Amino acid sequence: MPILPVLPEPPLPILTYIIRFGIGFILLALFIRAIASWFRIDERYAFIRFLARITDPFILPLRRFMKPIWMLDLSFFVAWFMLYCLQILLVQALPVGW
């Protein structure tokens, strides 16, 4: 029975970390911006403008199809859910150790 060589795994799964932390940062920005919108903290503050520049590409297309229900903007939740699912799918699609 032949012995198959064992390929060493990379020491750090760098691509997995990039995907998790990159999308995780956007998810955190979405969460903070949603909380800020509930407390009527608008874009007068530089930090909220920074979060808006990061999260608007994900929220604005959804706002065209989803109108706010009462005072609750569901586009934040839908964008968060879609990004979280994308993160899971991308990490699962990578080979082990990437």
C-alpha atoms as a PDB file:
ATOM      1  CA  MET A   1       0.000   0.000   0.000  1.00  0.00           C
ATOM      2  CA  PRO A   2       1.672   3.279  -1.079  1.00  0.00           C
ATOM      3  CA  ILE A   3       2.096   6.048   1.421  1.00  0.00           C
ATOM      4  CA  LEU A   4       0.709   9.361   0.194  1.00  0.00           C
ATOM      5  CA  PRO A   5       2.690  12.472   1.025  1.00  0.00           C
ATOM      6  CA  VAL A   6       1.017  14.819   3.458  1.00  0.00           C
ATOM      7  CA  LEU A   7       0.982  18.399   2.293  1.00  0.00           C
ATOM      8  CA  PRO A   8       1.671  20.889   5.070  1.00  0.00           C
ATOM      9  CA  GLU A   9      -1.098  23.356   5.816  1.00  0.00           C
ATOM     10  CA  PRO A  10      -0.328  27.050   5.698  1.00  0.00           C
ATOM     11  CA  PRO A  11       0.465  28.395   9.163  1.00  0.00           C
ATOM     12  CA  LEU A  12      -2.363  30.944   9.081  1.00  0.00           C
ATOM     13  CA  PRO A  13      -5.604  30.797   7.129  1.00  0.00           C
ATOM     14  CA  ILE A  14      -5.063  34.343   5.851  1.00  0.00           C
ATOM     15  CA  LEU A  15      -7.868  34.425   3.289  1.00  0.00           C
ATOM     16  CA  THR A  16     -10.352  33.184   5.880  1.00  0.00           C
ATOM     17  CA  TYR A  17      -9.261  35.946   8.266  1.00  0.00           C
ATOM     18  CA  ILE A  18      -9.584  38.584   5.539  1.00  0.00           C
ATOM     19  CA  ILE A  19     -13.129  37.471   4.706  1.00  0.00           C
ATOM     20  CA  ARG A  20     -14.242  37.178   8.326  1.00  0.00           C
ATOM     21  CA  PHE A  21     -12.753  40.449   9.539  1.00  0.00           C
ATOM     22  CA  GLY A  22     -13.594  42.399   6.380  1.00  0.00           C
ATOM     23  CA  ILE A  23     -17.256  41.449   6.314  1.00  0.00           C
ATOM     24  CA  GLY A  24     -17.324  41.500  10.117  1.00  0.00           C
ATOM     25  CA  PHE A  25     -16.222  45.136  10.056  1.00  0.00           C
ATOM     26  CA  ILE A  26     -19.033  45.993   7.646  1.00  0.00           C
ATOM     27  CA  LEU A  27     -21.532  44.122   9.842  1.00  0.00           C
ATOM     28  CA  LEU A  28     -20.361  46.074  12.884  1.00  0.00           C
ATOM     29  CA  ALA A  29     -20.655  49.346  10.934  1.00  0.00           C
ATOM     30  CA  LEU A  30     -24.215  48.400   9.919  1.00  0.00           C
ATOM     31  CA  PHE A  31     -25.127  47.633  13.520  1.00  0.00           C
ATOM     32  CA  ILE A  32     -23.701  50.908  14.868  1.00  0.00           C
ATOM     33  CA  ARG A  33     -25.377  52.919  12.120  1.00  0.00           C
ATOM     34  CA  ALA A  34     -28.740  51.233  12.804  1.00  0.00           C
ATOM     35  CA  ILE A  35     -28.465  52.069  16.509  1.00  0.00           C
ATOM     36  CA  ALA A  36     -27.469  55.645  15.655  1.00  0.00           C
ATOM     37  CA  SER A  37     -30.476  56.021  13.365  1.00  0.00           C
ATOM     38  CA  TRP A  38     -32.830  54.871  16.133  1.00  0.00           C
ATOM     39  CA  PHE A  39     -31.479  57.595  18.412  1.00  0.00           C
ATOM     40  CA  ARG A  40     -31.631  60.215  15.631  1.00  0.00           C
ATOM     41  CA  ILE A  41     -27.869  60.693  15.454  1.00  0.00           C
ATOM     42  CA  ASP A  42     -27.499  62.053  11.941  1.00  0.00           C
ATOM     43  CA  GLU A  43     -24.591  62.696   9.610  1.00  0.00           C
ATOM     44  CA  ARG A  44     -23.468  65.907  11.297  1.00  0.00           C
ATOM     45  CA  TYR A  45     -20.919  63.767  13.116  1.00  0.00           C
ATOM     46  CA  ALA A  46     -17.838  62.660  11.196  1.00  0.00           C
ATOM     47  CA  PHE A  47     -17.991  59.108  12.565  1.00  0.00           C
ATOM     48  CA  ILE A  48     -21.542  58.620  11.301  1.00  0.00           C
ATOM     49  CA  ARG A  49     -20.559  60.061   7.891  1.00  0.00           C
ATOM     50  CA  PHE A  50     -17.712  57.530   7.795  1.00  0.00           C
ATOM     51  CA  LEU A  51     -20.129  54.686   8.608  1.00  0.00           C
ATOM     52  CA  ALA A  52     -22.556  55.974   5.980  1.00  0.00           C
ATOM     53  CA  ARG A  53     -19.854  55.890   3.286  1.00  0.00           C
ATOM     54  CA  ILE A  54     -19.072  52.275   4.201  1.00  0.00           C
ATOM     55  CA  THR A  55     -22.627  50.986   4.555  1.00  0.00           C
ATOM     56  CA  ASP A  56     -24.561  52.968   1.923  1.00  0.00           C
ATOM     57  CA  PRO A  57     -23.568  50.675  -0.986  1.00  0.00           C
ATOM     58  CA  PHE A  58     -25.311  47.827   0.865  1.00  0.00           C
ATOM     59  CA  ILE A  59     -28.320  49.710   2.245  1.00  0.00           C
ATOM     60  CA  LEU A  60     -29.391  52.073  -0.555  1.00  0.00           C
ATOM     61  CA  PRO A  61     -30.250  49.388  -3.157  1.00  0.00           C
ATOM     62  CA  LEU A  62     -32.425  47.646  -0.567  1.00  0.00           C
ATOM     63  CA  ARG A  63     -34.192  50.894   0.375  1.00  0.00           C
ATOM     64  CA  ARG A  64     -35.490  51.178  -3.195  1.00  0.00           C
ATOM     65  CA  PHE A  65     -37.506  48.000  -2.668  1.00  0.00           C
ATOM     66  CA  MET A  66     -38.206  48.149   1.059  1.00  0.00           C
ATOM     67  CA  LYS A  67     -39.930  51.140   2.588  1.00  0.00           C
ATOM     68  CA  PRO A  68     -39.682  51.782   6.341  1.00  0.00           C
ATOM     69  CA  ILE A  69     -42.411  50.169   8.396  1.00  0.00           C
ATOM     70  CA  TRP A  70     -43.565  52.714  10.941  1.00  0.00           C
ATOM     71  CA  MET A  71     -40.219  53.957  12.338  1.00  0.00           C
ATOM     72  CA  LEU A  72     -38.297  50.752  11.659  1.00  0.00           C
ATOM     73  CA  ASP A  73     -36.004  50.626   8.631  1.00  0.00           C
ATOM     74  CA  LEU A  74     -35.772  46.959   7.694  1.00  0.00           C
ATOM     75  CA  SER A  75     -33.097  47.493   5.054  1.00  0.00           C
ATOM     76  CA  PHE A  76     -30.423  47.419   7.794  1.00  0.00           C
ATOM     77  CA  PHE A  77     -31.572  43.990   8.935  1.00  0.00           C
ATOM     78  CA  VAL A  78     -31.844  42.584   5.416  1.00  0.00           C
ATOM     79  CA  ALA A  79     -28.384  43.912   4.486  1.00  0.00           C
ATOM     80  CA  TRP A  80     -26.929  42.493   7.708  1.00  0.00           C
ATOM     81  CA  PHE A  81     -28.524  39.087   7.050  1.00  0.00           C
ATOM     82  CA  MET A  82     -27.343  38.985   3.424  1.00  0.00           C
ATOM     83  CA  LEU A  83     -23.759  39.960   4.330  1.00  0.00           C
ATOM     84  CA  TYR A  84     -23.672  37.421   7.148  1.00  0.00           C
ATOM     85  CA  CYS A  85     -24.868  34.668   4.790  1.00  0.00           C
ATOM     86  CA  LEU A  86     -22.294  35.764   2.206  1.00  0.00           C
ATOM     87  CA  GLN A  87     -19.560  35.564   4.837  1.00  0.00           C
ATOM     88  CA  ILE A  88     -20.573  32.033   5.813  1.00  0.00           C
ATOM     89  CA  LEU A  89     -20.780  30.881   2.191  1.00  0.00           C
ATOM     90  CA  LEU A  90     -17.405  32.376   1.260  1.00  0.00           C
ATOM     91  CA  VAL A  91     -15.636  30.830   4.238  1.00  0.00           C
ATOM     92  CA  GLN A  92     -17.210  27.441   3.571  1.00  0.00           C
ATOM     93  CA  ALA A  93     -16.215  27.593  -0.101  1.00  0.00           C
ATOM     94  CA  LEU A  94     -12.530  27.975   0.768  1.00  0.00           C
ATOM     95  CA  PRO A  95     -10.346  24.902   1.045  1.00  0.00           C
ATOM     96  CA  VAL A  96      -9.255  23.929   4.570  1.00  0.00           C
ATOM     97  CA  GLY A  97      -6.390  26.053   5.796  1.00  0.00           C
ATOM     98  CA  TRP A  98      -6.868  28.953   3.398  1.00  0.00           C
END
